[in-house]
Amino acid sequence: INAEYGGMTDWLEEKDEESYEKYEREREWKKLREEHFNMGYREGISKKREVALQDGFDKAFPLGSNRGQALGQLSGFLIGLKWIKGNESLSAETCLLYTSPSPRDS
């Protein structure tokens, strides 16, 4: 065949190999690009969740802490008032029990 077409078959075979190599390179490049894009996307989502979670904690913790402290003070005041008003049967230990959180509150 080479003799008939003056070497045209070799040229076509080389062209096919070049085309195939180019196709393989482009396919590999596309695969790498997609993998890195997906990896970056996942990392971005994870980082955003972490930041949002921390922001929520930073905003809510002082509020919860202040409310807990206020409720504790109110509870202490009411138990002290009850004690002062003549409920002698209420001992200091009982007062502590009323102000201590129960195990199920933990």
N, C-alpha and C. Protein backbone atom coordinates (compact mmCIF):
# COMPACT_ATOMS: atom_id res chain seq x y z
N ILE A 1 0.84 -1.20 0.00
CA ILE A 1 0.00 0.00 0.00
C ILE A 1 0.87 1.25 0.00
N ASN A 2 1.97 1.23 0.73
CA ASN A 2 2.85 2.40 0.73
C ASN A 2 3.36 2.73 -0.67
N ALA A 3 3.63 1.70 -1.39
CA ALA A 3 4.13 1.91 -2.75
C ALA A 3 3.05 2.52 -3.63
N GLU A 4 1.83 2.07 -3.46
CA GLU A 4 0.75 2.55 -4.29
C GLU A 4 0.45 4.03 -4.06
N TYR A 5 0.47 4.46 -2.80
CA TYR A 5 0.07 5.84 -2.49
C TYR A 5 1.25 6.74 -2.14
N GLY A 6 2.43 6.26 -2.36
CA GLY A 6 3.60 7.09 -2.12
C GLY A 6 3.80 7.44 -0.67
N GLY A 7 3.59 6.50 0.26
CA GLY A 7 3.83 6.75 1.68
C GLY A 7 2.66 7.39 2.40
N MET A 8 1.53 7.50 1.78
CA MET A 8 0.36 8.15 2.39
C MET A 8 -0.15 7.39 3.61
N THR A 9 -0.04 6.08 3.62
CA THR A 9 -0.54 5.29 4.73
C THR A 9 0.21 5.62 6.01
N ASP A 10 1.55 5.76 5.92
CA ASP A 10 2.34 6.11 7.10
C ASP A 10 1.91 7.48 7.66
N TRP A 11 1.70 8.42 6.76
CA TRP A 11 1.29 9.77 7.19
C TRP A 11 -0.06 9.73 7.91
N LEU A 12 -0.99 8.96 7.39
CA LEU A 12 -2.31 8.84 8.01
C LEU A 12 -2.22 8.16 9.38
N GLU A 13 -1.36 7.12 9.46
CA GLU A 13 -1.19 6.44 10.75
C GLU A 13 -0.59 7.37 11.79
N GLU A 14 0.40 8.19 11.37
CA GLU A 14 1.00 9.17 12.29
C GLU A 14 -0.04 10.19 12.72
N LYS A 15 -0.85 10.61 11.79
CA LYS A 15 -1.89 11.59 12.09
C LYS A 15 -2.90 11.01 13.09
N ASP A 16 -3.26 9.73 12.90
CA ASP A 16 -4.18 9.08 13.83
C ASP A 16 -3.57 8.98 15.23
N GLU A 17 -2.29 8.65 15.30
CA GLU A 17 -1.62 8.57 16.61
C GLU A 17 -1.57 9.93 17.28
N GLU A 18 -1.25 10.98 16.50
CA GLU A 18 -1.22 12.34 17.05
C GLU A 18 -2.60 12.75 17.55
N SER A 19 -3.61 12.45 16.77
CA SER A 19 -4.99 12.79 17.17
C SER A 19 -5.37 12.06 18.45
N TYR A 20 -5.01 10.79 18.51
CA TYR A 20 -5.34 10.01 19.70
C TYR A 20 -4.60 10.54 20.93
N GLU A 21 -3.31 10.88 20.78
CA GLU A 21 -2.53 11.43 21.90
C GLU A 21 -3.12 12.77 22.36
N LYS A 22 -3.49 13.59 21.38
CA LYS A 22 -4.11 14.87 21.70
C LYS A 22 -5.44 14.65 22.45
N TYR A 23 -6.22 13.71 21.97
CA TYR A 23 -7.48 13.38 22.62
C TYR A 23 -7.24 12.91 24.06
N GLU A 24 -6.25 12.06 24.26
CA GLU A 24 -5.92 11.55 25.60
C GLU A 24 -5.47 12.69 26.52
N ARG A 25 -4.62 13.59 26.01
CA ARG A 25 -4.16 14.73 26.82
C ARG A 25 -5.34 15.62 27.22
N GLU A 26 -6.21 15.91 26.29
CA GLU A 26 -7.37 16.75 26.57
C GLU A 26 -8.31 16.08 27.57
N ARG A 27 -8.49 14.78 27.41
CA ARG A 27 -9.33 14.03 28.34
C ARG A 27 -8.74 14.04 29.76
N GLU A 28 -7.43 13.84 29.86
CA GLU A 28 -6.76 13.85 31.16
C GLU A 28 -6.83 15.25 31.78
N TRP A 29 -6.64 16.28 30.98
CA TRP A 29 -6.71 17.66 31.46
C TRP A 29 -8.12 17.96 31.99
N LYS A 30 -9.13 17.55 31.26
CA LYS A 30 -10.51 17.77 31.69
C LYS A 30 -10.79 17.05 33.01
N LYS A 31 -10.30 15.82 33.11
CA LYS A 31 -10.50 15.04 34.34
C LYS A 31 -9.82 15.71 35.53
N LEU A 32 -8.59 16.18 35.36
CA LEU A 32 -7.87 16.86 36.44
C LEU A 32 -8.58 18.15 36.84
N ARG A 33 -9.02 18.90 35.83
CA ARG A 33 -9.72 20.16 36.09
C ARG A 33 -10.99 19.91 36.89
N GLU A 34 -11.77 18.89 36.53
CA GLU A 34 -12.99 18.56 37.26
C GLU A 34 -12.70 18.10 38.68
N GLU A 35 -11.66 17.29 38.85
CA GLU A 35 -11.30 16.82 40.20
C GLU A 35 -10.92 17.99 41.10
N HIS A 36 -10.10 18.90 40.58
CA HIS A 36 -9.68 20.05 41.39
C HIS A 36 -10.84 21.01 41.66
N PHE A 37 -11.71 21.17 40.69
CA PHE A 37 -12.89 22.01 40.90
C PHE A 37 -13.75 21.43 42.01
N ASN A 38 -14.03 20.11 41.93
CA ASN A 38 -14.86 19.46 42.94
C ASN A 38 -14.21 19.52 44.32
N MET A 39 -12.89 19.31 44.37
CA MET A 39 -12.19 19.36 45.64
C MET A 39 -12.29 20.78 46.24
N GLY A 40 -12.09 21.77 45.42
CA GLY A 40 -12.19 23.16 45.88
C GLY A 40 -13.59 23.50 46.34
N TYR A 41 -14.57 23.01 45.63
CA TYR A 41 -15.97 23.26 45.98
C TYR A 41 -16.28 22.66 47.35
N ARG A 42 -15.86 21.40 47.54
CA ARG A 42 -16.11 20.73 48.83
C ARG A 42 -15.40 21.45 49.97
N GLU A 43 -14.16 21.87 49.76
CA GLU A 43 -13.43 22.58 50.80
C GLU A 43 -14.11 23.91 51.12
N GLY A 44 -14.60 24.59 50.10
CA GLY A 44 -15.30 25.86 50.31
C GLY A 44 -16.57 25.68 51.12
N ILE A 45 -17.33 24.65 50.81
CA ILE A 45 -18.57 24.36 51.56
C ILE A 45 -18.24 24.04 53.01
N SER A 46 -17.23 23.21 53.23
CA SER A 46 -16.84 22.84 54.60
C SER A 46 -16.40 24.06 55.39
N LYS A 47 -15.61 24.91 54.78
CA LYS A 47 -15.12 26.12 55.46
C LYS A 47 -16.29 27.05 55.80
N LYS A 48 -17.22 27.20 54.88
CA LYS A 48 -18.37 28.07 55.11
C LYS A 48 -19.22 27.55 56.26
N ARG A 49 -19.43 26.22 56.31
CA ARG A 49 -20.20 25.64 57.41
C ARG A 49 -19.50 25.89 58.75
N GLU A 50 -18.19 25.72 58.75
CA GLU A 50 -17.41 25.93 59.98
C GLU A 50 -17.53 27.38 60.45
N VAL A 51 -17.40 28.31 59.53
CA VAL A 51 -17.50 29.73 59.86
C VAL A 51 -18.90 30.07 60.36
N ALA A 52 -19.93 29.56 59.69
CA ALA A 52 -21.31 29.83 60.09
C ALA A 52 -21.60 29.26 61.47
N LEU A 53 -21.10 28.07 61.73
CA LEU A 53 -21.30 27.45 63.04
C LEU A 53 -20.63 28.27 64.13
N GLN A 54 -19.41 28.70 63.88
CA GLN A 54 -18.69 29.51 64.87
C GLN A 54 -19.39 30.84 65.09
N ASP A 55 -19.85 31.47 64.01
CA ASP A 55 -20.57 32.75 64.14
C ASP A 55 -21.83 32.58 64.98
N GLY A 56 -22.58 31.50 64.74
CA GLY A 56 -23.78 31.24 65.52
C GLY A 56 -23.47 31.05 66.99
N PHE A 57 -22.41 30.31 67.27
CA PHE A 57 -22.01 30.10 68.67
C PHE A 57 -21.60 31.42 69.30
N ASP A 58 -20.79 32.20 68.58
CA ASP A 58 -20.31 33.48 69.13
C ASP A 58 -21.46 34.44 69.44
N LYS A 59 -22.50 34.40 68.63
CA LYS A 59 -23.64 35.30 68.85
C LYS A 59 -24.56 34.78 69.97
N ALA A 60 -24.77 33.48 70.05
CA ALA A 60 -25.75 32.93 70.98
C ALA A 60 -25.18 32.67 72.38
N PHE A 61 -23.90 32.39 72.49
CA PHE A 61 -23.33 32.05 73.79
C PHE A 61 -23.51 33.16 74.82
N PRO A 62 -23.17 34.41 74.51
CA PRO A 62 -23.36 35.47 75.52
C PRO A 62 -24.82 35.61 75.94
N LEU A 63 -25.74 35.48 74.99
CA LEU A 63 -27.16 35.59 75.30
C LEU A 63 -27.58 34.48 76.26
N GLY A 64 -27.20 33.25 75.94
CA GLY A 64 -27.54 32.13 76.82
C GLY A 64 -26.88 32.24 78.17
N SER A 65 -25.66 32.70 78.19
CA SER A 65 -24.93 32.86 79.44
C SER A 65 -25.59 33.92 80.32
N ASN A 66 -25.95 35.04 79.72
CA ASN A 66 -26.61 36.12 80.48
C ASN A 66 -27.96 35.67 81.02
N ARG A 67 -28.73 34.97 80.20
CA ARG A 67 -30.03 34.49 80.65
C ARG A 67 -29.89 33.46 81.77
N GLY A 68 -28.93 32.56 81.63
CA GLY A 68 -28.69 31.57 82.67
C GLY A 68 -28.29 32.21 83.98
N GLN A 69 -27.44 33.22 83.90
CA GLN A 69 -27.02 33.93 85.11
C GLN A 69 -28.21 34.65 85.74
N ALA A 70 -29.02 35.32 84.93
CA ALA A 70 -30.18 36.04 85.46
C ALA A 70 -31.17 35.07 86.12
N LEU A 71 -31.43 33.93 85.48
CA LEU A 71 -32.35 32.94 86.07
C LEU A 71 -31.79 32.37 87.37
N GLY A 72 -30.48 32.15 87.40
CA GLY A 72 -29.85 31.67 88.63
C GLY A 72 -29.99 32.68 89.77
N GLN A 73 -29.79 33.93 89.46
CA GLN A 73 -29.93 34.98 90.48
C GLN A 73 -31.39 35.07 90.96
N LEU A 74 -32.33 35.01 90.04
CA LEU A 74 -33.74 35.05 90.40
C LEU A 74 -34.11 33.86 91.27
N SER A 75 -33.66 32.69 90.88
CA SER A 75 -33.94 31.48 91.66
C SER A 75 -33.36 31.62 93.07
N GLY A 76 -32.14 32.10 93.17
CA GLY A 76 -31.52 32.30 94.48
C GLY A 76 -32.27 33.32 95.31
N PHE A 77 -32.70 34.39 94.67
CA PHE A 77 -33.45 35.42 95.38
C PHE A 77 -34.76 34.86 95.92
N LEU A 78 -35.50 34.14 95.10
CA LEU A 78 -36.79 33.59 95.52
C LEU A 78 -36.63 32.57 96.65
N ILE A 79 -35.63 31.73 96.58
CA ILE A 79 -35.41 30.76 97.65
C ILE A 79 -35.00 31.48 98.93
N GLY A 80 -34.16 32.50 98.79
CA GLY A 80 -33.78 33.30 99.97
C GLY A 80 -34.98 34.00 100.58
N LEU A 81 -35.84 34.53 99.74
CA LEU A 81 -37.05 35.21 100.21
C LEU A 81 -37.97 34.23 100.93
N LYS A 82 -38.11 33.06 100.37
CA LYS A 82 -38.94 32.04 101.01
C LYS A 82 -38.34 31.67 102.38
N TRP A 83 -37.05 31.58 102.45
CA TRP A 83 -36.35 31.26 103.70
C TRP A 83 -36.58 32.36 104.74
N ILE A 84 -36.46 33.60 104.31
CA ILE A 84 -36.62 34.73 105.22
C ILE A 84 -38.06 34.84 105.70
N LYS A 85 -39.03 34.55 104.87
CA LYS A 85 -40.44 34.72 105.21
C LYS A 85 -40.93 33.69 106.22
N GLY A 86 -40.06 32.89 106.77
CA GLY A 86 -40.49 32.04 107.87
C GLY A 86 -40.64 30.58 107.55
N ASN A 87 -40.14 30.12 106.46
CA ASN A 87 -40.22 28.70 106.19
C ASN A 87 -39.00 28.04 106.81
N GLU A 88 -39.05 27.85 108.13
CA GLU A 88 -37.92 27.28 108.84
C GLU A 88 -37.65 25.83 108.46
N SER A 89 -38.63 25.18 107.89
CA SER A 89 -38.44 23.78 107.51
C SER A 89 -37.53 23.66 106.28
N LEU A 90 -37.29 24.77 105.60
CA LEU A 90 -36.43 24.77 104.44
C LEU A 90 -34.99 24.97 104.88
N SER A 91 -34.19 23.92 104.81
CA SER A 91 -32.80 24.00 105.27
C SER A 91 -31.90 24.58 104.19
N ALA A 92 -30.68 24.90 104.57
CA ALA A 92 -29.70 25.41 103.61
C ALA A 92 -29.40 24.36 102.55
N GLU A 93 -29.36 23.09 102.95
CA GLU A 93 -29.10 22.01 101.99
C GLU A 93 -30.24 21.93 100.97
N THR A 94 -31.45 22.12 101.43
CA THR A 94 -32.60 22.09 100.53
C THR A 94 -32.52 23.25 99.54
N CYS A 95 -32.08 24.42 100.03
CA CYS A 95 -31.91 25.56 99.14
C CYS A 95 -30.91 25.25 98.04
N LEU A 96 -29.83 24.57 98.41
CA LEU A 96 -28.84 24.19 97.42
C LEU A 96 -29.41 23.21 96.40
N LEU A 97 -30.27 22.30 96.88
CA LEU A 97 -30.90 21.36 95.96
C LEU A 97 -31.78 22.07 94.94
N TYR A 98 -32.49 23.10 95.39
CA TYR A 98 -33.37 23.84 94.49
C TYR A 98 -32.57 24.62 93.44
N THR A 99 -31.38 25.06 93.78
CA THR A 99 -30.60 25.87 92.85
C THR A 99 -29.67 25.05 92.00
N SER A 100 -29.44 23.78 92.37
CA SER A 100 -28.54 22.92 91.58
C SER A 100 -29.28 22.37 90.37
N PRO A 101 -28.60 22.33 89.24
CA PRO A 101 -29.26 21.74 88.06
C PRO A 101 -29.43 20.24 88.25
N SER A 102 -30.52 19.72 87.75
CA SER A 102 -30.74 18.28 87.85
C SER A 102 -29.89 17.57 86.81
N PRO A 103 -29.58 16.28 87.03
CA PRO A 103 -28.74 15.56 86.05
C PRO A 103 -29.34 15.54 84.65
N ARG A 104 -30.65 15.56 84.53
CA ARG A 104 -31.25 15.53 83.19
C ARG A 104 -31.11 16.89 82.48
N ASP A 105 -30.82 17.97 83.23
CA ASP A 105 -30.62 19.28 82.61
C ASP A 105 -29.25 19.39 81.95
N SER A 106 -28.36 18.48 82.27
CA SER A 106 -26.98 18.56 81.75
C SER A 106 -26.92 18.13 80.31
